[in-house]
PDB file of N, CA and C in Angstrom:
ATOM      1  N   MET A   1     112.472  55.712 102.515  1.00  0.00           N
ATOM      2  CA  MET A   1     112.879  55.989 104.203  1.00  0.00           C
ATOM      3  C   MET A   1     111.949  56.000 104.771  1.00  0.00           C
ATOM      4  N   ASP A   2     110.898  56.958 104.248  1.00  0.00           N
ATOM      5  CA  ASP A   2     109.158  56.587 105.090  1.00  0.00           C
ATOM      6  C   ASP A   2     108.940  55.321 105.717  1.00  0.00           C
ATOM      7  N   VAL A   3     109.173  53.863 104.797  1.00  0.00           N
ATOM      8  CA  VAL A   3     108.783  52.764 104.606  1.00  0.00           C
ATOM      9  C   VAL A   3     109.803  52.249 106.328  1.00  0.00           C
ATOM     10  N   LEU A   4     110.871  52.283 106.338  1.00  0.00           N
ATOM     11  CA  LEU A   4     111.792  52.015 107.483  1.00  0.00           C
ATOM     12  C   LEU A   4     111.431  52.351 108.412  1.00  0.00           C
ATOM     13  N   ARG A   5     111.077  53.604 108.690  1.00  0.00           N
ATOM     14  CA  ARG A   5     110.515  54.608 109.873  1.00  0.00           C
ATOM     15  C   ARG A   5     109.344  53.785 110.129  1.00  0.00           C
ATOM     16  N   GLU A   6     108.495  53.309 109.017  1.00  0.00           N
ATOM     17  CA  GLU A   6     107.096  53.007 109.644  1.00  0.00           C
ATOM     18  C   GLU A   6     106.948  51.785 110.157  1.00  0.00           C
ATOM     19  N   GLN A   7     108.025  51.017 109.771  1.00  0.00           N
ATOM     20  CA  GLN A   7     108.526  49.727 110.073  1.00  0.00           C
ATOM     21  C   GLN A   7     109.485  49.932 111.301  1.00  0.00           C
ATOM     22  N   SER A   8     110.445  50.510 112.048  1.00  0.00           N
ATOM     23  CA  SER A   8     110.683  50.719 112.796  1.00  0.00           C
ATOM     24  C   SER A   8     112.166  49.982 112.229  1.00  0.00           C
ATOM     25  N   CYS A   9     112.532  50.516 111.680  1.00  0.00           N
ATOM     26  CA  CYS A   9     113.788  49.511 111.143  1.00  0.00           C
ATOM     27  C   CYS A   9     114.977  51.322 111.228  1.00  0.00           C
ATOM     28  N   PRO A  10     115.056  50.957 111.559  1.00  0.00           N
ATOM     29  CA  PRO A  10     116.622  52.182 111.624  1.00  0.00           C
ATOM     30  C   PRO A  10     116.837  52.143 110.209  1.00  0.00           C
ATOM     31  N   HIS A  11     117.377  53.764 109.843  1.00  0.00           N
ATOM     32  CA  HIS A  11     118.205  53.639 108.442  1.00  0.00           C
ATOM     33  C   HIS A  11     119.645  53.350 108.116  1.00  0.00           C
ATOM     34  N   ARG A  12     120.382  52.512 107.604  1.00  0.00           N
ATOM     35  CA  ARG A  12     121.506  52.078 107.490  1.00  0.00           C
ATOM     36  C   ARG A  12     122.414  52.497 105.517  1.00  0.00           C
ATOM     37  N   ARG A  13     123.415  52.591 105.742  1.00  0.00           N
ATOM     38  CA  ARG A  13     124.082  52.949 104.484  1.00  0.00           C
ATOM     39  C   ARG A  13     123.975  51.320 103.528  1.00  0.00           C
ATOM     40  N   SER A  14     124.542  50.372 104.997  1.00  0.00           N
ATOM     41  CA  SER A  14     124.565  49.357 103.745  1.00  0.00           C
ATOM     42  C   SER A  14     123.076  48.602 103.473  1.00  0.00           C
ATOM     43  N   TRP A  15     121.949  49.563 103.849  1.00  0.00           N
ATOM     44  CA  TRP A  15     121.141  48.941 102.997  1.00  0.00           C
ATOM     45  C   TRP A  15     120.527  49.648 101.917  1.00  0.00           C
ATOM     46  N   VAL A  16     121.253  50.887 101.803  1.00  0.00           N
ATOM     47  CA  VAL A  16     121.341  51.642 100.298  1.00  0.00           C
ATOM     48  C   VAL A  16     122.238  50.966  99.560  1.00  0.00           C
ATOM     49  N   TYR A  17     123.205  50.284  99.967  1.00  0.00           N
ATOM     50  CA  TYR A  17     124.710  49.310  98.919  1.00  0.00           C
ATOM     51  C   TYR A  17     123.978  48.227  98.443  1.00  0.00           C
ATOM     52  N   LEU A  18     123.058  47.545  99.475  1.00  0.00           N
ATOM     53  CA  LEU A  18     122.257  46.184  98.808  1.00  0.00           C
ATOM     54  C   LEU A  18     121.377  46.232  98.305  1.00  0.00           C
ATOM     55  N   THR A  19     121.060  47.813  98.054  1.00  0.00           N
ATOM     56  CA  THR A  19     119.292  47.603  97.282  1.00  0.00           C
ATOM     57  C   THR A  19     120.593  47.765  95.806  1.00  0.00           C
ATOM     58  N   THR A  20     120.754  48.641  95.947  1.00  0.00           N
ATOM     59  CA  THR A  20     121.395  49.016  94.758  1.00  0.00           C
ATOM     60  C   THR A  20     122.361  47.885  93.915  1.00  0.00           C
ATOM     61  N   TRP A  21     122.945  46.962  94.384  1.00  0.00           N
ATOM     62  CA  TRP A  21     123.612  45.628  93.858  1.00  0.00           C
ATOM     63  C   TRP A  21     122.531  44.573  93.686  1.00  0.00           C
ATOM     64  N   THR A  22     121.313  44.907  94.813  1.00  0.00           N
ATOM     65  CA  THR A  22     120.012  43.911  94.345  1.00  0.00           C
ATOM     66  C   THR A  22     119.591  44.569  92.773  1.00  0.00           C
ATOM     67  N   ASN A  23     118.921  45.420  92.669  1.00  0.00           N
ATOM     68  CA  ASN A  23     119.016  46.164  91.674  1.00  0.00           C
ATOM     69  C   ASN A  23     119.692  45.886  90.397  1.00  0.00           C
ATOM     70  N   ALA A  24     121.037  45.865  90.176  1.00  0.00           N
ATOM     71  CA  ALA A  24     121.927  45.592  89.461  1.00  0.00           C
ATOM     72  C   ALA A  24     121.416  44.556  89.003  1.00  0.00           C
ATOM     73  N   ALA A  25     121.446  43.062  89.826  1.00  0.00           N
ATOM     74  CA  ALA A  25     120.827  41.878  89.503  1.00  0.00           C
ATOM     75  C   ALA A  25     120.162  41.599  88.606  1.00  0.00           C
ATOM     76  N   VAL A  26     118.971  42.400  89.227  1.00  0.00           N
ATOM     77  CA  VAL A  26     117.531  42.141  88.948  1.00  0.00           C
ATOM     78  C   VAL A  26     117.735  42.775  87.164  1.00  0.00           C
ATOM     79  N   GLU A  27     118.024  43.933  87.240  1.00  0.00           N
ATOM     80  CA  GLU A  27     117.927  44.717  85.650  1.00  0.00           C
ATOM     81  C   GLU A  27     119.050  43.653  84.478  1.00  0.00           C
ATOM     82  N   SER A  28     120.239  43.368  85.190  1.00  0.00           N
ATOM     83  CA  SER A  28     120.840  42.347  84.480  1.00  0.00           C
ATOM     84  C   SER A  28     119.827  40.863  84.095  1.00  0.00           C
ATOM     85  N   PHE A  29     119.287  40.351  84.985  1.00  0.00           N
ATOM     86  CA  PHE A  29     118.303  38.974  84.519  1.00  0.00           C
ATOM     87  C   PHE A  29     117.490  39.463  84.450  1.00  0.00           C
ATOM     88  N   PHE A  30     117.129  40.943  83.998  1.00  0.00           N
ATOM     89  CA  PHE A  30     115.637  41.185  82.981  1.00  0.00           C
ATOM     90  C   PHE A  30     116.407  41.640  81.831  1.00  0.00           C
ATOM     91  N   ALA A  31     117.364  41.658  81.449  1.00  0.00           N
ATOM     92  CA  ALA A  31     117.862  42.244  80.617  1.00  0.00           C
ATOM     93  C   ALA A  31     117.921  41.238  79.677  1.00  0.00           C
ATOM     94  N   THR A  32     118.533  40.260  80.281  1.00  0.00           N
ATOM     95  CA  THR A  32     119.016  38.691  79.970  1.00  0.00           C
ATOM     96  C   THR A  32     118.023  38.188  78.764  1.00  0.00           C
ATOM     97  N   LEU A  33     116.454  38.122  79.778  1.00  0.00           N
ATOM     98  CA  LEU A  33     115.286  37.563  80.036  1.00  0.00           C
ATOM     99  C   LEU A  33     115.130  38.504  78.155  1.00  0.00           C
ATOM    100  N   LYS A  34     114.833  39.540  78.286  1.00  0.00           N
ATOM    101  CA  LYS A  34     114.301  40.269  77.107  1.00  0.00           C
ATOM    102  C   LYS A  34     115.019  40.200  76.371  1.00  0.00           C
ATOM    103  N   ARG A  35     116.607  39.807  75.971  1.00  0.00           N
ATOM    104  CA  ARG A  35     116.974  39.217  74.947  1.00  0.00           C
ATOM    105  C   ARG A  35     116.982  37.689  74.336  1.00  0.00           C
ATOM    106  N   GLU A  36     117.116  36.909  74.973  1.00  0.00           N
ATOM    107  CA  GLU A  36     116.972  34.856  75.001  1.00  0.00           C
ATOM    108  C   GLU A  36     115.547  35.564  74.428  1.00  0.00           C
ATOM    109  N   LEU A  37     114.478  35.656  75.039  1.00  0.00           N
ATOM    110  CA  LEU A  37     113.205  35.000  75.119  1.00  0.00           C
ATOM    111  C   LEU A  37     112.628  36.354  73.857  1.00  0.00           C
ATOM    112  N   ALA A  38     113.348  36.803  73.096  1.00  0.00           N
ATOM    113  CA  ALA A  38     112.699  37.451  71.798  1.00  0.00           C
ATOM    114  C   ALA A  38     114.025  36.920  70.579  1.00  0.00           C
ATOM    115  N   TRP A  39     115.434  36.521  70.869  1.00  0.00           N
ATOM    116  CA  TRP A  39     115.757  35.385  69.782  1.00  0.00           C
ATOM    117  C   TRP A  39     115.406  34.219  69.699  1.00  0.00           C
ATOM    118  N   ILE A  40     114.804  33.781  70.880  1.00  0.00           N
ATOM    119  CA  ILE A  40     113.426  32.263  70.831  1.00  0.00           C
ATOM    120  C   ILE A  40     113.171  32.231  70.353  1.00  0.00           C
ATOM    121  N   HIS A  41     111.912  32.978  70.651  1.00  0.00           N
ATOM    122  CA  HIS A  41     111.024  33.118  69.435  1.00  0.00           C
ATOM    123  C   HIS A  41     110.700  34.378  68.386  1.00  0.00           C
ATOM    124  N   ALA A  42     112.063  34.607  68.394  1.00  0.00           N
ATOM    125  CA  ALA A  42     111.757  35.365  66.846  1.00  0.00           C
ATOM    126  C   ALA A  42     110.958  35.973  66.844  1.00  0.00           C
ATOM    127  N   THR A  43     110.229  36.959  67.707  1.00  0.00           N
ATOM    128  CA  THR A  43     109.383  38.461  68.102  1.00  0.00           C
ATOM    129  C   THR A  43     110.114  38.632  69.854  1.00  0.00           C
ATOM    130  N   LYS A  44     109.163  40.593  69.232  1.00  0.00           N
ATOM    131  CA  LYS A  44     109.675  41.112  70.555  1.00  0.00           C
ATOM    132  C   LYS A  44     108.429  41.471  71.387  1.00  0.00           C
ATOM    133  N   THR A  45     106.830  40.941  70.405  1.00  0.00           N
ATOM    134  CA  THR A  45     105.397  40.940  71.177  1.00  0.00           C
ATOM    135  C   THR A  45     105.314  39.798  70.523  1.00  0.00           C
ATOM    136  N   TRP A  46     104.128  39.799  71.776  1.00  0.00           N
ATOM    137  CA  TRP A  46     103.322  38.515  71.648  1.00  0.00           C
ATOM    138  C   TRP A  46     101.216  39.272  71.264  1.00  0.00           C
ATOM    139  N   ALA A  47     100.422  38.222  71.380  1.00  0.00           N
ATOM    140  CA  ALA A  47      99.015  38.698  70.929  1.00  0.00           C
ATOM    141  C   ALA A  47      99.064  38.653  71.882  1.00  0.00           C
ATOM    142  N   THR A  48      98.945  37.743  73.339  1.00  0.00           N
ATOM    143  CA  THR A  48      98.319  38.048  74.488  1.00  0.00           C
ATOM    144  C   THR A  48      98.970  38.054  75.315  1.00  0.00           C
ATOM    145  N   ARG A  49      98.414  38.476  76.453  1.00  0.00           N
ATOM    146  CA  ARG A  49      99.243  38.213  77.687  1.00  0.00           C
ATOM    147  C   ARG A  49      99.490  36.576  77.727  1.00  0.00           C
ATOM    148  N   VAL A  50      98.709  36.088  78.148  1.00  0.00           N
ATOM    149  CA  VAL A  50      98.620  34.980  78.239  1.00  0.00           C
ATOM    150  C   VAL A  50      99.564  34.018  77.163  1.00  0.00           C
ATOM    151  N   ALA A  51      99.689  34.512  75.707  1.00  0.00           N
ATOM    152  CA  ALA A  51     100.461  33.711  74.665  1.00  0.00           C
ATOM    153  C   ALA A  51     102.111  34.196  75.508  1.00  0.00           C
ATOM    154  N   LEU A  52     102.135  35.646  76.122  1.00  0.00           N
ATOM    155  CA  LEU A  52     103.563  35.947  76.710  1.00  0.00           C
ATOM    156  C   LEU A  52     103.914  35.161  77.736  1.00  0.00           C
ATOM    157  N   ARG A  53     102.693  34.764  79.026  1.00  0.00           N
ATOM    158  CA  ARG A  53     103.383  34.188  80.028  1.00  0.00           C
ATOM    159  C   ARG A  53     103.358  32.996  79.686  1.00  0.00           C
ATOM    160  N   THR A  54     103.093  32.575  78.706  1.00  0.00           N
ATOM    161  CA  THR A  54     103.198  30.808  78.384  1.00  0.00           C
ATOM    162  C   THR A  54     104.774  30.920  78.144  1.00  0.00           C
ATOM    163  N   ALA A  55     105.046  31.983  77.509  1.00  0.00           N
ATOM    164  CA  ALA A  55     106.751  32.208  76.800  1.00  0.00           C
ATOM    165  C   ALA A  55     107.358  32.059  77.960  1.00  0.00           C
ATOM    166  N   LEU A  56     107.209  33.102  78.277  1.00  0.00           N
ATOM    167  CA  LEU A  56     108.117  33.453  79.725  1.00  0.00           C
ATOM    168  C   LEU A  56     108.514  32.118  80.663  1.00  0.00           C
ATOM    169  N   PHE A  57     107.074  31.646  80.893  1.00  0.00           N
ATOM    170  CA  PHE A  57     107.374  30.005  81.483  1.00  0.00           C
ATOM    171  C   PHE A  57     107.866  29.444  80.865  1.00  0.00           C
ATOM    172  N   ASP A  58     107.538  28.639  79.797  1.00  0.00           N
ATOM    173  CA  ASP A  58     108.590  28.082  78.987  1.00  0.00           C
ATOM    174  C   ASP A  58     109.850  28.358  79.025  1.00  0.00           C
ATOM    175  N   TYR A  59     110.313  29.664  78.776  1.00  0.00           N
ATOM    176  CA  TYR A  59     111.353  29.960  78.719  1.00  0.00           C
ATOM    177  C   TYR A  59     112.429  29.925  80.477  1.00  0.00           C
ATOM    178  N   ILE A  60     111.902  30.545  81.598  1.00  0.00           N
ATOM    179  CA  ILE A  60     112.232  30.717  82.556  1.00  0.00           C
ATOM    180  C   ILE A  60     112.284  28.527  83.080  1.00  0.00           C
ATOM    181  N   GLU A  61     111.452  27.713  83.516  1.00  0.00           N
ATOM    182  CA  GLU A  61     111.200  26.348  83.682  1.00  0.00           C
ATOM    183  C   GLU A  61     112.405  25.472  82.570  1.00  0.00           C
ATOM    184  N   GLY A  62     111.935  25.785  81.521  1.00  0.00           N
ATOM    185  CA  GLY A  62     112.272  24.818  80.334  1.00  0.00           C
ATOM    186  C   GLY A  62     114.111  25.153  79.675  1.00  0.00           C
ATOM    187  N   PHE A  63     114.462  26.328  79.902  1.00  0.00           N
ATOM    188  CA  PHE A  63     115.534  26.539  79.461  1.00  0.00           C
ATOM    189  C   PHE A  63     116.750  27.151  80.613  1.00  0.00           C
ATOM    190  N   TYR A  64     115.878  28.873  80.752  1.00  0.00           N
ATOM    191  CA  TYR A  64     116.923  29.149  81.763  1.00  0.00           C
ATOM    192  C   TYR A  64     117.364  28.620  83.651  1.00  0.00           C
ATOM    193  N   ASN A  65     116.067  27.826  83.858  1.00  0.00           N
ATOM    194  CA  ASN A  65     116.370  27.321  85.746  1.00  0.00           C
ATOM    195  C   ASN A  65     117.565  26.027  85.273  1.00  0.00           C
ATOM    196  N   PRO A  66     117.020  25.079  83.889  1.00  0.00           N
ATOM    197  CA  PRO A  66     117.198  23.747  83.910  1.00  0.00           C
ATOM    198  C   PRO A  66     119.079  23.494  83.075  1.00  0.00           C
ATOM    199  N   GLU A  67     118.695  24.551  82.214  1.00  0.00           N
ATOM    200  CA  GLU A  67     119.580  24.236  81.259  1.00  0.00           C
ATOM    201  C   GLU A  67     120.924  25.079  81.122  1.00  0.00           C
ATOM    202  N   ARG A  68     120.437  26.533  81.168  1.00  0.00           N
ATOM    203  CA  ARG A  68     121.455  27.681  80.956  1.00  0.00           C
ATOM    204  C   ARG A  68     122.968  27.274  81.927  1.00  0.00           C
ATOM    205  N   ILE A  69     123.948  27.706  81.189  1.00  0.00           N
ATOM    206  CA  ILE A  69     125.462  27.310  81.136  1.00  0.00           C
ATOM    207  C   ILE A  69     125.649  28.386  82.548  1.00  0.00           C
ATOM    208  N   GLN A  70     125.920  28.164  83.688  1.00  0.00           N
ATOM    209  CA  GLN A  70     125.813  29.136  84.583  1.00  0.00           C
ATOM    210  C   GLN A  70     127.467  29.137  85.400  1.00  0.00           C
ATOM    211  N   GLN A  71     128.043  30.212  85.561  1.00  0.00           N
ATOM    212  CA  GLN A  71     129.566  30.293  85.917  1.00  0.00           C
ATOM    213  C   GLN A  71     129.846  29.852  87.511  1.00  0.00           C
ATOM    214  N   ARG A  72     128.627  29.958  88.092  1.00  0.00           N
ATOM    215  CA  ARG A  72     129.054  29.586  89.677  1.00  0.00           C
ATOM    216  C   ARG A  72     129.195  27.994  89.969  1.00  0.00           C
ATOM    217  N   LEU A  73     128.124  27.516  88.891  1.00  0.00           N
ATOM    218  CA  LEU A  73     128.677  25.599  88.576  1.00  0.00           C
ATOM    219  C   LEU A  73     129.473  25.925  87.306  1.00  0.00           C
ATOM    220  N   GLU A  74     130.633  26.450  88.195  1.00  0.00           N
ATOM    221  CA  GLU A  74     131.719  25.599  86.871  1.00  0.00           C
ATOM    222  C   GLU A  74     131.681  25.917  85.792  1.00  0.00           C
ATOM    223  N   TYR A  75     130.898  26.679  84.917  1.00  0.00           N
ATOM    224  CA  TYR A  75     130.612  26.681  83.996  1.00  0.00           C
ATOM    225  C   TYR A  75     129.636  25.736  82.816  1.00  0.00           C
ATOM    226  N   ARG A  76     128.817  24.847  83.905  1.00  0.00           N
ATOM    227  CA  ARG A  76     127.585  23.475  83.326  1.00  0.00           C
ATOM    228  C   ARG A  76     126.244  24.210  83.745  1.00  0.00           C
ATOM    229  N   SER A  77     125.285  23.276  82.948  1.00  0.00           N
ATOM    230  CA  SER A  77     124.493  23.736  83.477  1.00  0.00           C
ATOM    231  C   SER A  77     124.101  22.831  84.874  1.00  0.00           C
ATOM    232  N   PRO A  78     122.568  23.470  85.446  1.00  0.00           N
ATOM    233  CA  PRO A  78     122.027  22.746  86.033  1.00  0.00           C
ATOM    234  C   PRO A  78     122.296  21.111  86.778  1.00  0.00           C
ATOM    235  N   LEU A  79     121.643  20.813  85.774  1.00  0.00           N
ATOM    236  CA  LEU A  79     121.531  19.281  85.141  1.00  0.00           C
ATOM    237  C   LEU A  79     122.821  18.217  85.084  1.00  0.00           C
ATOM    238  N   ARG A  80     123.725  19.124  84.514  1.00  0.00           N
ATOM    239  CA  ARG A  80     125.751  18.610  84.064  1.00  0.00           C
ATOM    240  C   ARG A  80     125.830  18.303  85.718  1.00  0.00           C
ATOM    241  N   PHE A  81     125.775  19.692  86.118  1.00  0.00           N
ATOM    242  CA  PHE A  81     126.566  19.710  87.228  1.00  0.00           C
ATOM    243  C   PHE A  81     125.697  18.865  88.547  1.00  0.00           C
ATOM    244  N   GLU A  82     124.583  18.699  88.811  1.00  0.00           N
ATOM    245  CA  GLU A  82     123.922  17.398  89.332  1.00  0.00           C
ATOM    246  C   GLU A  82     125.038  15.925  89.352  1.00  0.00           C
ATOM    247  N   GLU A  83     124.047  15.862  87.737  1.00  0.00           N
ATOM    248  CA  GLU A  83     124.908  14.904  86.628  1.00  0.00           C
ATOM    249  C   GLU A  83     125.978  14.462  87.813  1.00  0.00           C
ATOM    250  N   ALA A  84     127.137  15.210  87.691  1.00  0.00           N
ATOM    251  CA  ALA A  84     128.782  15.351  87.882  1.00  0.00           C
ATOM    252  C   ALA A  84     128.839  15.220  89.523  1.00  0.00           C
ATOM    253  N   ALA A  85     128.202  15.233  90.146  1.00  0.00           N
ATOM    254  CA  ALA A  85     128.254  15.323  91.795  1.00  0.00           C
ATOM    255  C   ALA A  85     127.707  13.833  92.526  1.00  0.00           C
ATOM    256  N   VAL A  86     126.473  13.227  91.396  1.00  0.00           N
ATOM    257  CA  VAL A  86     125.580  12.838  91.910  1.00  0.00           C
ATOM    258  C   VAL A  86     127.794  11.139  91.382  1.00  0.00           C
ATOM    259  N   ALA A  87     127.655  11.015  90.130  1.00  0.00           N
ATOM    260  CA  ALA A  87     128.856  10.055  89.691  1.00  0.00           C
ATOM    261  C   ALA A  87     130.063  10.349  90.421  1.00  0.00           C
TER     262      ALA A  87
END
């Protein structure tokens, strides 16, 4: 609330409602990330932060964004969805 007052933003209940749903989406993403990253690499720990950062980058850019099947894309990966749109 103090941050809103400092920014001269009025407090609204809709803001609280949106933050709750935004938080749920973020928590869902991180739960998926942790579960799938551990499964793909067969580990829950990495030797260094650089190794973890590399694993995260490879997962997000190599699998999650281009290959992962998504409900909003009619249960296709983004690559398959784009191919169907072009064809």
